């Protein structure tokens, strides 16, 4: 199940579990839509893959007798920050941003 990280790893914007601004790569690196569009240009600074909207985990279990939703599987509270410098990210993004994610 997804970790649901609480913040953008670049600008540290809060991204609560119900945020429609959260974007993730296939490794769950988490960024806000603004950073993905204006600074990362759909290039994950870690793996080089693209991003997709992070799904919203329902607050409660809608299936009777099932332990689902945030009440049973809360989002992470551990804030994560990219280990790469702004300069390194910018160089990485410039190098591969014109290659479609499916071809990277």
N, C-alpha and C. Protein backbone atom coordinates (compact mmCIF):
# COMPACT_ATOMS: atom_id res chain seq x y z
N UNK A 1 0.85 -1.17 0.00
CA UNK A 1 0.00 0.00 0.00
C UNK A 1 0.89 1.23 0.00
N UNK A 2 0.41 2.30 -0.59
CA UNK A 2 1.18 3.53 -0.70
C UNK A 2 1.47 4.13 0.67
N UNK A 3 2.65 4.72 0.78
CA UNK A 3 3.09 5.35 2.01
C UNK A 3 2.35 6.66 2.31
N UNK A 4 1.92 7.37 1.28
CA UNK A 4 1.25 8.66 1.40
C UNK A 4 2.11 9.65 2.21
N UNK A 5 3.23 10.02 1.63
CA UNK A 5 4.15 10.97 2.28
C UNK A 5 3.46 12.32 2.46
N UNK A 6 3.79 13.03 3.55
CA UNK A 6 3.03 14.23 3.91
C UNK A 6 3.45 15.54 3.26
N UNK A 7 4.51 15.50 2.42
CA UNK A 7 5.02 16.77 1.90
C UNK A 7 5.67 16.62 0.54
N UNK A 8 5.83 17.76 -0.13
CA UNK A 8 6.58 17.81 -1.38
C UNK A 8 8.06 17.70 -1.00
N UNK A 9 8.76 16.81 -1.66
CA UNK A 9 10.17 16.59 -1.34
C UNK A 9 11.06 17.72 -1.83
N UNK A 10 10.52 18.65 -2.58
CA UNK A 10 11.32 19.77 -3.09
C UNK A 10 11.01 21.07 -2.34
N UNK A 11 9.77 21.50 -2.31
CA UNK A 11 9.42 22.78 -1.67
C UNK A 11 8.86 22.62 -0.27
N UNK A 12 8.64 21.40 0.18
CA UNK A 12 8.12 21.07 1.52
C UNK A 12 6.67 21.46 1.74
N UNK A 13 5.93 21.70 0.66
CA UNK A 13 4.49 22.00 0.77
C UNK A 13 3.78 20.81 1.41
N UNK A 14 2.85 21.08 2.30
CA UNK A 14 2.05 20.02 2.90
C UNK A 14 1.18 19.36 1.84
N UNK A 15 1.17 18.03 1.84
CA UNK A 15 0.33 17.25 0.93
C UNK A 15 -0.44 16.22 1.75
N UNK A 16 -1.55 16.63 2.36
CA UNK A 16 -2.33 15.70 3.17
C UNK A 16 -2.88 14.56 2.32
N UNK A 17 -3.34 13.50 2.96
CA UNK A 17 -3.80 12.31 2.22
C UNK A 17 -4.89 12.58 1.18
N UNK A 18 -5.67 13.64 1.36
CA UNK A 18 -6.73 13.93 0.41
C UNK A 18 -6.34 15.00 -0.61
N UNK A 19 -5.07 15.34 -0.69
CA UNK A 19 -4.62 16.39 -1.61
C UNK A 19 -4.71 15.95 -3.07
N UNK A 20 -5.26 16.83 -3.88
CA UNK A 20 -5.29 16.54 -5.32
C UNK A 20 -4.06 17.14 -6.01
N UNK A 21 -3.16 17.74 -5.22
CA UNK A 21 -1.93 18.33 -5.77
C UNK A 21 -0.73 17.40 -5.64
N UNK A 22 -0.89 16.25 -5.03
CA UNK A 22 0.23 15.33 -4.83
C UNK A 22 0.50 14.52 -6.10
N UNK A 23 1.78 14.40 -6.44
CA UNK A 23 2.22 13.60 -7.59
C UNK A 23 3.27 12.62 -7.10
N UNK A 24 3.25 11.40 -7.64
CA UNK A 24 4.22 10.38 -7.25
C UNK A 24 4.82 9.71 -8.48
N UNK A 25 6.05 9.21 -8.31
CA UNK A 25 6.67 8.38 -9.36
C UNK A 25 6.42 6.92 -8.96
N UNK A 26 6.94 5.99 -9.72
CA UNK A 26 6.70 4.58 -9.43
C UNK A 26 7.40 4.11 -8.15
N UNK A 27 8.33 4.93 -7.63
CA UNK A 27 9.00 4.61 -6.37
C UNK A 27 8.40 5.38 -5.20
N UNK A 28 7.30 6.07 -5.43
CA UNK A 28 6.58 6.86 -4.44
C UNK A 28 7.28 8.16 -4.05
N UNK A 29 8.29 8.59 -4.82
CA UNK A 29 8.82 9.93 -4.58
C UNK A 29 7.63 10.86 -4.72
N UNK A 30 7.50 11.83 -3.83
CA UNK A 30 6.30 12.65 -3.76
C UNK A 30 6.62 14.13 -3.92
N UNK A 31 5.94 14.77 -4.86
CA UNK A 31 6.13 16.19 -5.12
C UNK A 31 4.77 16.83 -5.36
N UNK A 32 4.70 18.14 -5.20
CA UNK A 32 3.45 18.84 -5.50
C UNK A 32 3.36 19.06 -7.01
N UNK A 33 2.15 19.26 -7.49
CA UNK A 33 1.92 19.47 -8.92
C UNK A 33 2.70 20.68 -9.43
N UNK A 34 2.80 21.74 -8.63
CA UNK A 34 3.53 22.93 -9.07
C UNK A 34 5.00 22.61 -9.34
N UNK A 35 5.67 21.90 -8.43
CA UNK A 35 7.08 21.56 -8.64
C UNK A 35 7.25 20.61 -9.83
N UNK A 36 6.34 19.65 -9.97
CA UNK A 36 6.42 18.70 -11.09
C UNK A 36 6.30 19.43 -12.43
N UNK A 37 5.42 20.42 -12.49
CA UNK A 37 5.18 21.13 -13.75
C UNK A 37 6.20 22.23 -14.03
N UNK A 38 6.65 22.97 -13.01
CA UNK A 38 7.48 24.15 -13.26
C UNK A 38 8.97 23.97 -12.98
N UNK A 39 9.33 22.98 -12.18
CA UNK A 39 10.76 22.78 -11.87
C UNK A 39 11.28 21.43 -12.34
N UNK A 40 10.43 20.41 -12.27
CA UNK A 40 10.89 19.06 -12.61
C UNK A 40 10.50 18.65 -14.03
N UNK A 41 9.53 19.32 -14.60
CA UNK A 41 9.08 19.03 -15.97
C UNK A 41 8.81 17.54 -16.18
N UNK A 42 8.12 16.96 -15.18
CA UNK A 42 7.72 15.55 -15.21
C UNK A 42 8.91 14.58 -15.22
N UNK A 43 10.02 14.98 -14.59
CA UNK A 43 11.20 14.11 -14.46
C UNK A 43 11.48 13.90 -12.98
N UNK A 44 11.38 12.68 -12.50
CA UNK A 44 11.70 12.40 -11.10
C UNK A 44 13.21 12.60 -10.90
N UNK A 45 13.60 13.41 -9.90
CA UNK A 45 15.02 13.65 -9.65
C UNK A 45 15.78 12.40 -9.21
N UNK A 46 15.07 11.41 -8.73
CA UNK A 46 15.72 10.19 -8.27
C UNK A 46 15.85 9.15 -9.37
N UNK A 47 14.71 8.75 -9.95
CA UNK A 47 14.74 7.63 -10.91
C UNK A 47 14.67 8.07 -12.37
N UNK A 48 14.27 9.32 -12.62
CA UNK A 48 14.15 9.78 -14.00
C UNK A 48 12.82 9.45 -14.64
N UNK A 49 11.95 8.79 -13.92
CA UNK A 49 10.63 8.45 -14.45
C UNK A 49 9.69 9.65 -14.41
N UNK A 50 8.47 9.44 -14.86
CA UNK A 50 7.46 10.48 -14.84
C UNK A 50 6.61 10.40 -13.58
N UNK A 51 5.63 11.27 -13.50
CA UNK A 51 4.75 11.34 -12.33
C UNK A 51 3.30 11.11 -12.71
N UNK A 52 2.53 10.69 -11.72
CA UNK A 52 1.08 10.53 -11.85
C UNK A 52 0.43 11.10 -10.61
N UNK A 53 -0.83 11.51 -10.71
CA UNK A 53 -1.53 11.97 -9.50
C UNK A 53 -1.55 10.85 -8.45
N UNK A 54 -1.29 11.22 -7.21
CA UNK A 54 -1.35 10.23 -6.13
C UNK A 54 -2.81 9.94 -5.80
N UNK A 55 -3.19 8.68 -5.71
CA UNK A 55 -4.58 8.37 -5.35
C UNK A 55 -4.90 8.84 -3.94
N UNK A 56 -6.16 9.12 -3.71
CA UNK A 56 -6.64 9.51 -2.38
C UNK A 56 -7.10 8.25 -1.67
N UNK A 57 -6.59 8.05 -0.45
CA UNK A 57 -7.06 6.92 0.36
C UNK A 57 -8.31 7.38 1.12
N UNK A 58 -9.39 6.63 1.02
CA UNK A 58 -10.62 7.02 1.73
C UNK A 58 -10.38 7.15 3.24
N UNK A 59 -11.12 8.06 3.85
CA UNK A 59 -10.98 8.28 5.29
C UNK A 59 -11.47 7.09 6.10
N UNK A 60 -12.52 6.45 5.63
CA UNK A 60 -13.09 5.35 6.40
C UNK A 60 -13.22 4.11 5.53
N UNK A 61 -13.49 3.01 6.17
CA UNK A 61 -13.71 1.75 5.47
C UNK A 61 -15.15 1.71 4.99
N UNK A 62 -15.34 1.65 3.69
CA UNK A 62 -16.69 1.64 3.13
C UNK A 62 -17.26 0.24 2.98
N UNK A 63 -16.43 -0.78 3.17
CA UNK A 63 -16.89 -2.17 3.12
C UNK A 63 -17.03 -2.70 4.53
N UNK A 64 -18.21 -3.11 4.87
CA UNK A 64 -18.48 -3.61 6.22
C UNK A 64 -17.57 -4.81 6.54
N UNK A 65 -16.97 -4.77 7.71
CA UNK A 65 -16.11 -5.86 8.15
C UNK A 65 -14.70 -5.82 7.58
N UNK A 66 -14.34 -4.79 6.83
CA UNK A 66 -13.01 -4.66 6.24
C UNK A 66 -12.24 -3.56 6.96
N UNK A 67 -10.96 -3.80 7.18
CA UNK A 67 -10.08 -2.82 7.82
C UNK A 67 -9.37 -2.01 6.74
N UNK A 68 -10.10 -1.08 6.14
CA UNK A 68 -9.58 -0.26 5.06
C UNK A 68 -9.69 1.21 5.41
N UNK A 69 -9.01 2.05 4.66
CA UNK A 69 -9.10 3.49 4.83
C UNK A 69 -8.07 4.03 5.81
N UNK A 70 -8.03 5.36 5.90
CA UNK A 70 -7.07 6.04 6.76
C UNK A 70 -7.22 5.69 8.22
N UNK A 71 -8.44 5.34 8.64
CA UNK A 71 -8.63 5.01 10.06
C UNK A 71 -7.86 3.74 10.44
N UNK A 72 -7.59 2.87 9.50
CA UNK A 72 -6.83 1.65 9.77
C UNK A 72 -5.41 1.70 9.20
N UNK A 73 -5.22 2.47 8.16
CA UNK A 73 -3.92 2.58 7.49
C UNK A 73 -3.61 4.07 7.29
N UNK A 74 -3.14 4.73 8.36
CA UNK A 74 -2.89 6.17 8.27
C UNK A 74 -1.73 6.52 7.35
N UNK A 75 -1.76 7.75 6.89
CA UNK A 75 -0.67 8.27 6.05
C UNK A 75 0.58 8.41 6.91
N UNK A 76 1.72 8.44 6.25
CA UNK A 76 2.99 8.65 6.95
C UNK A 76 3.05 10.07 7.49
N UNK A 77 3.70 10.24 8.62
CA UNK A 77 3.92 11.59 9.17
C UNK A 77 5.38 12.00 9.02
N UNK A 78 6.20 11.12 8.46
CA UNK A 78 7.63 11.39 8.30
C UNK A 78 7.86 12.22 7.03
N UNK A 79 8.35 13.44 7.23
CA UNK A 79 8.62 14.32 6.10
C UNK A 79 9.88 13.85 5.39
N UNK A 80 9.84 13.90 4.05
CA UNK A 80 10.94 13.43 3.22
C UNK A 80 11.40 14.60 2.35
N UNK A 81 12.71 14.70 2.15
CA UNK A 81 13.28 15.77 1.32
C UNK A 81 14.25 15.16 0.33
N UNK A 82 14.27 15.68 -0.87
CA UNK A 82 15.17 15.18 -1.90
C UNK A 82 16.61 15.31 -1.42
N UNK A 83 17.41 14.30 -1.70
CA UNK A 83 18.81 14.34 -1.29
C UNK A 83 19.69 15.04 -2.32
N UNK A 84 19.09 15.49 -3.41
CA UNK A 84 19.84 16.13 -4.49
C UNK A 84 19.76 17.64 -4.39
N UNK A 85 20.83 18.32 -4.76
CA UNK A 85 20.86 19.78 -4.74
C UNK A 85 20.01 20.33 -5.89
N UNK A 86 19.64 21.60 -5.77
CA UNK A 86 18.88 22.25 -6.85
C UNK A 86 19.64 22.20 -8.17
N UNK A 87 20.96 22.40 -8.10
CA UNK A 87 21.79 22.39 -9.32
C UNK A 87 21.80 21.00 -9.95
N UNK A 88 21.94 19.97 -9.13
CA UNK A 88 21.96 18.60 -9.64
C UNK A 88 20.62 18.24 -10.27
N UNK A 89 19.54 18.63 -9.61
CA UNK A 89 18.19 18.34 -10.14
C UNK A 89 18.01 19.04 -11.48
N UNK A 90 18.39 20.31 -11.56
CA UNK A 90 18.23 21.06 -12.80
C UNK A 90 19.02 20.42 -13.94
N UNK A 91 20.23 19.97 -13.68
CA UNK A 91 21.05 19.32 -14.72
C UNK A 91 20.42 18.00 -15.15
N UNK A 92 19.95 17.22 -14.19
CA UNK A 92 19.30 15.93 -14.47
C UNK A 92 18.05 16.14 -15.33
N UNK A 93 17.25 17.10 -14.95
CA UNK A 93 16.01 17.40 -15.68
C UNK A 93 16.32 17.86 -17.10
N UNK A 94 17.29 18.76 -17.26
CA UNK A 94 17.65 19.24 -18.61
C UNK A 94 18.11 18.09 -19.50
N UNK A 95 18.82 17.15 -18.93
CA UNK A 95 19.38 16.04 -19.70
C UNK A 95 18.31 15.13 -20.30
N UNK A 96 17.19 14.92 -19.58
CA UNK A 96 16.24 13.91 -20.06
C UNK A 96 14.80 14.40 -20.21
N UNK A 97 14.52 15.66 -19.96
CA UNK A 97 13.13 16.12 -19.97
C UNK A 97 12.44 16.01 -21.32
N UNK A 98 13.18 16.01 -22.42
CA UNK A 98 12.55 15.92 -23.74
C UNK A 98 12.33 14.47 -24.20
N UNK A 99 12.73 13.53 -23.39
CA UNK A 99 12.49 12.11 -23.68
C UNK A 99 11.18 11.73 -23.00
N UNK A 100 10.20 11.20 -23.72
CA UNK A 100 8.94 10.81 -23.08
C UNK A 100 9.19 9.80 -21.95
N UNK A 101 8.42 9.88 -20.85
CA UNK A 101 8.63 8.96 -19.73
C UNK A 101 8.67 7.49 -20.13
N UNK A 102 7.84 7.08 -21.09
CA UNK A 102 7.82 5.66 -21.49
C UNK A 102 9.08 5.25 -22.23
N UNK A 103 9.87 6.21 -22.67
CA UNK A 103 11.10 5.91 -23.40
C UNK A 103 12.37 6.12 -22.57
N UNK A 104 12.22 6.56 -21.34
CA UNK A 104 13.40 6.83 -20.51
C UNK A 104 13.98 5.57 -19.93
